[in-house]
Protein backbone atom coordinates (compact mmCIF):
# COMPACT_ATOMS: atom_id res chain seq x y z
CA UNK A 1 0.00 0.00 0.00
CA UNK A 2 2.84 2.40 0.83
CA UNK A 3 4.27 2.11 -2.68
CA UNK A 4 0.84 2.78 -4.19
CA UNK A 5 0.47 5.93 -2.07
CA UNK A 6 3.97 7.04 -3.05
CA UNK A 7 3.04 6.55 -6.73
CA UNK A 8 -0.20 8.46 -6.16
CA UNK A 9 1.78 11.40 -4.78
CA UNK A 10 4.03 11.35 -7.85
CA UNK A 11 0.97 11.13 -10.15
CA UNK A 12 -0.47 14.19 -8.39
CA UNK A 13 2.70 16.11 -9.25
CA UNK A 14 4.25 15.94 -5.78
CA UNK A 15 7.70 14.98 -4.64
CA UNK A 16 7.27 12.16 -2.10
CA UNK A 17 10.78 12.93 -0.81
CA UNK A 18 9.97 16.47 0.30
CA UNK A 19 9.92 17.08 4.04
CA UNK A 20 6.14 17.10 4.59
CA UNK A 21 5.52 13.97 2.50
CA UNK A 22 8.32 11.60 3.49
CA UNK A 23 6.16 9.68 5.99
CA UNK A 24 2.85 10.23 4.20
CA UNK A 25 2.71 6.72 2.64
CA UNK A 26 3.08 5.13 6.09
CA UNK A 27 0.52 7.48 7.64
CA UNK A 28 -2.00 6.91 4.84
CA UNK A 29 -1.54 3.14 5.06
CA UNK A 30 -2.15 3.21 8.82
CA UNK A 31 -5.17 5.46 8.34
CA UNK A 32 -6.68 3.28 5.59
CA UNK A 33 -6.21 0.13 7.65
CA UNK A 34 -8.10 1.77 10.54
CA UNK A 35 -10.84 3.25 8.32
CA UNK A 36 -11.45 -0.14 6.69
CA UNK A 37 -10.93 -2.27 9.80
CA UNK A 38 -14.56 -3.43 9.68
CA UNK A 39 -13.62 -6.05 7.11
CA UNK A 40 -11.54 -7.83 9.75
CA UNK A 41 -14.21 -8.04 12.45
CA UNK A 42 -16.36 -11.08 13.09
CA UNK A 43 -19.64 -9.73 14.48
CA UNK A 44 -20.36 -12.86 16.53
CA UNK A 45 -16.97 -12.53 18.22
CA UNK A 46 -17.59 -8.82 18.75
CA UNK A 47 -20.93 -9.52 20.44
CA UNK A 48 -19.14 -12.07 22.64
CA UNK A 49 -22.34 -13.61 24.05
CA UNK A 50 -23.66 -10.23 25.22
CA UNK A 51 -27.18 -11.37 24.31
CA UNK A 52 -29.35 -11.75 27.38
CA UNK A 53 -32.73 -13.28 28.20
CA UNK A 54 -34.80 -10.36 29.44
CA UNK A 55 -38.56 -10.02 29.58
CA UNK A 56 -38.83 -6.64 27.88
CA UNK A 57 -41.03 -5.93 24.89
CA UNK A 58 -40.77 -2.17 24.43
CA UNK A 59 -38.53 -0.26 22.07
CA UNK A 60 -34.79 -0.09 22.78
CA UNK A 61 -33.17 2.90 21.09
CA UNK A 62 -29.56 4.03 20.83
CA UNK A 63 -29.61 7.35 19.04
CA UNK A 64 -27.25 9.94 17.64
CA UNK A 65 -24.23 7.65 17.37
CA UNK A 66 -21.52 9.35 15.35
CA UNK A 67 -20.51 7.47 12.22
CA UNK A 68 -17.54 7.92 9.93
CA UNK A 69 -17.15 5.99 6.71
CA UNK A 70 -15.55 6.17 3.27
CA UNK A 71 -17.55 6.51 0.08
CA UNK A 72 -16.72 3.49 -2.05
CA UNK A 73 -16.93 5.57 -5.23
CA UNK A 74 -14.36 8.25 -4.35
CA UNK A 75 -12.68 7.07 -1.11
CA UNK A 76 -13.77 10.36 0.43
CA UNK A 77 -15.34 10.43 3.92
CA UNK A 78 -18.97 10.71 4.81
CA UNK A 79 -20.03 11.22 8.38
CA UNK A 80 -23.09 11.86 10.48
CA UNK A 81 -25.42 10.33 13.05
CA UNK A 82 -27.01 6.92 13.26
CA UNK A 83 -30.00 5.95 15.38
CA UNK A 84 -30.93 2.31 15.93
CA UNK A 85 -33.98 0.74 17.57
CA UNK A 86 -35.29 -2.74 18.07
CA UNK A 87 -38.22 -4.33 19.85
CA UNK A 88 -37.04 -7.43 21.72
CA UNK A 89 -38.86 -10.71 21.43
CA UNK A 90 -36.96 -12.64 24.11
CA UNK A 91 -33.40 -11.34 23.93
CA UNK A 92 -31.66 -8.00 24.42
CA UNK A 93 -28.20 -7.01 23.32
CA UNK A 94 -25.64 -5.35 25.59
CA UNK A 95 -26.02 -1.66 24.79
CA UNK A 96 -22.35 -1.05 23.99
CA UNK A 97 -22.55 -3.67 21.25
CA UNK A 98 -24.91 -1.57 19.13
CA UNK A 99 -22.43 1.25 18.41
CA UNK A 100 -19.72 -1.36 17.93
CA UNK A 101 -21.84 -3.08 15.28
CA UNK A 102 -22.49 0.27 13.61
CA UNK A 103 -18.73 0.89 13.50
CA UNK A 104 -18.01 -2.55 12.01
CA UNK A 105 -20.11 -1.75 8.95
CA UNK A 106 -19.13 1.93 8.79
CA UNK A 107 -15.44 1.00 8.72
CA UNK A 108 -15.73 -0.47 5.25
CA UNK A 109 -15.91 1.14 1.84
CA UNK A 110 -19.60 1.97 1.70
CA UNK A 111 -22.61 3.60 0.25
CA UNK A 112 -24.93 4.95 2.92
CA UNK A 113 -27.90 2.93 1.71
CA UNK A 114 -26.07 -0.39 2.11
CA UNK A 115 -24.61 0.65 5.46
CA UNK A 116 -28.11 1.34 6.79
CA UNK A 117 -29.44 -2.03 5.63
CA UNK A 118 -26.41 -3.99 6.88
CA UNK A 119 -26.82 -2.64 10.41
CA UNK A 120 -30.55 -3.49 10.44
CA UNK A 121 -30.05 -6.97 9.01
CA UNK A 122 -27.25 -7.73 11.47
CA UNK A 123 -29.46 -6.91 14.46
CA UNK A 124 -32.35 -8.86 12.94
CA UNK A 125 -30.15 -11.95 12.53
CA UNK A 126 -28.57 -11.67 15.99
CA UNK A 127 -31.72 -11.09 18.03
CA UNK A 128 -34.75 -12.11 15.98
CA UNK A 129 -36.60 -9.11 17.44
CA UNK A 130 -40.13 -8.02 16.61
CA UNK A 131 -38.60 -5.25 14.53
CA UNK A 132 -35.50 -3.18 13.80
CA UNK A 133 -35.16 0.42 12.65
CA UNK A 134 -32.04 2.25 11.52
CA UNK A 135 -31.75 5.87 10.39
CA UNK A 136 -28.56 7.53 9.19
CA UNK A 137 -28.24 11.25 8.48
CA UNK A 138 -24.86 11.99 6.90
CA UNK A 139 -22.83 14.61 5.07
CA UNK A 140 -20.93 13.26 2.09
CA UNK A 141 -17.70 15.10 1.37
CA UNK A 142 -17.78 13.69 -2.18
CA UNK A 143 -20.83 15.93 -2.67
CA UNK A 144 -19.54 18.87 -0.62
CA UNK A 145 -15.91 19.09 -1.78
CA UNK A 146 -16.26 17.99 -5.41
CA UNK A 147 -18.99 17.18 -7.90
CA UNK A 148 -22.10 19.24 -7.13
CA UNK A 149 -20.34 21.07 -4.26
CA UNK A 150 -23.40 21.27 -2.01
CA UNK A 151 -21.76 21.89 1.36
CA UNK A 152 -24.91 21.97 3.47
CA UNK A 153 -26.78 18.99 2.07
CA UNK A 154 -27.28 15.83 4.07
CA UNK A 155 -28.54 12.41 3.07
CA UNK A 156 -31.01 10.49 5.21
CA UNK A 157 -31.52 6.76 4.79
CA UNK A 158 -33.64 4.32 6.74
CA UNK A 159 -34.16 0.62 7.02
CA UNK A 160 -37.29 -0.61 8.75
CA UNK A 161 -37.84 -4.30 9.43
CA UNK A 162 -40.68 -6.20 11.08
CA UNK A 163 -42.95 -4.08 13.29
CA UNK A 164 -41.26 -0.85 12.17
CA UNK A 165 -42.13 -1.60 8.55
CA UNK A 166 -45.54 -3.16 9.13
CA UNK A 167 -47.01 -0.85 11.77
CA UNK A 168 -47.07 2.91 11.08
CA UNK A 169 -47.67 3.62 14.80
CA UNK A 170 -44.45 1.82 15.74
CA UNK A 171 -42.52 3.62 13.01
CA UNK A 172 -43.99 6.98 14.08
CA UNK A 173 -43.12 6.35 17.73
CA UNK A 174 -39.52 5.64 16.73
CA UNK A 175 -39.36 8.71 14.51
CA UNK A 176 -40.70 10.97 17.27
CA UNK A 177 -38.25 9.57 19.83
CA UNK A 178 -35.16 10.06 17.67
CA UNK A 179 -35.92 13.63 16.65
C-alpha cells in the first residue's frame, strides 16, 4: 500500500521525498487500515455472548451515534449520526454492542444505503426481534468538496424491518423519539 500511495503522490505532481511527505505513505496506510478495519471483524466474536434473556417488549433505542465511513466511489469520507432501535422478542443485546456493530459496517468502503441495511439486518439476525429500525443522516464530502459542491446537504436513509415496517404507529413512535 505504501508504494501505491507514493506513486499516487508522484501522479499528483508531488515529490514524495519532500519534508512534509516523506512519511505520508506510512501514515495513509495506517489510516486506511483503521478506516477499513470493519472487514476484519467477526460480528459474533464482537458480540461475545452479550445477548441476554430479558422479559422486555418495548422499544430499545440508541440514538445519535456518530458514524464515519468512506464513500466506495471516491474514497472520500462521509459522516453523520445513526439511530438504531429494536423491539425485543426474548433477547436484548448489551447496549455497547450496538455502536460497535455500527462501526463494524461503517469502517468499510460503503454507500450509505447499504450501510443502513447492513446494520438493520445484522441486528435482525442476531436477536430475531419483533422489529429493527435504523436511520442515518450523513454529510458526504464527495458531494460537498467535489462534484455538485453542495456543502450543506445531508442524506437520510432508513431501514425498517418487522414491526417498524408493518405498523405505522411503531414507526412513528420511533421517529418521534429520535428527533
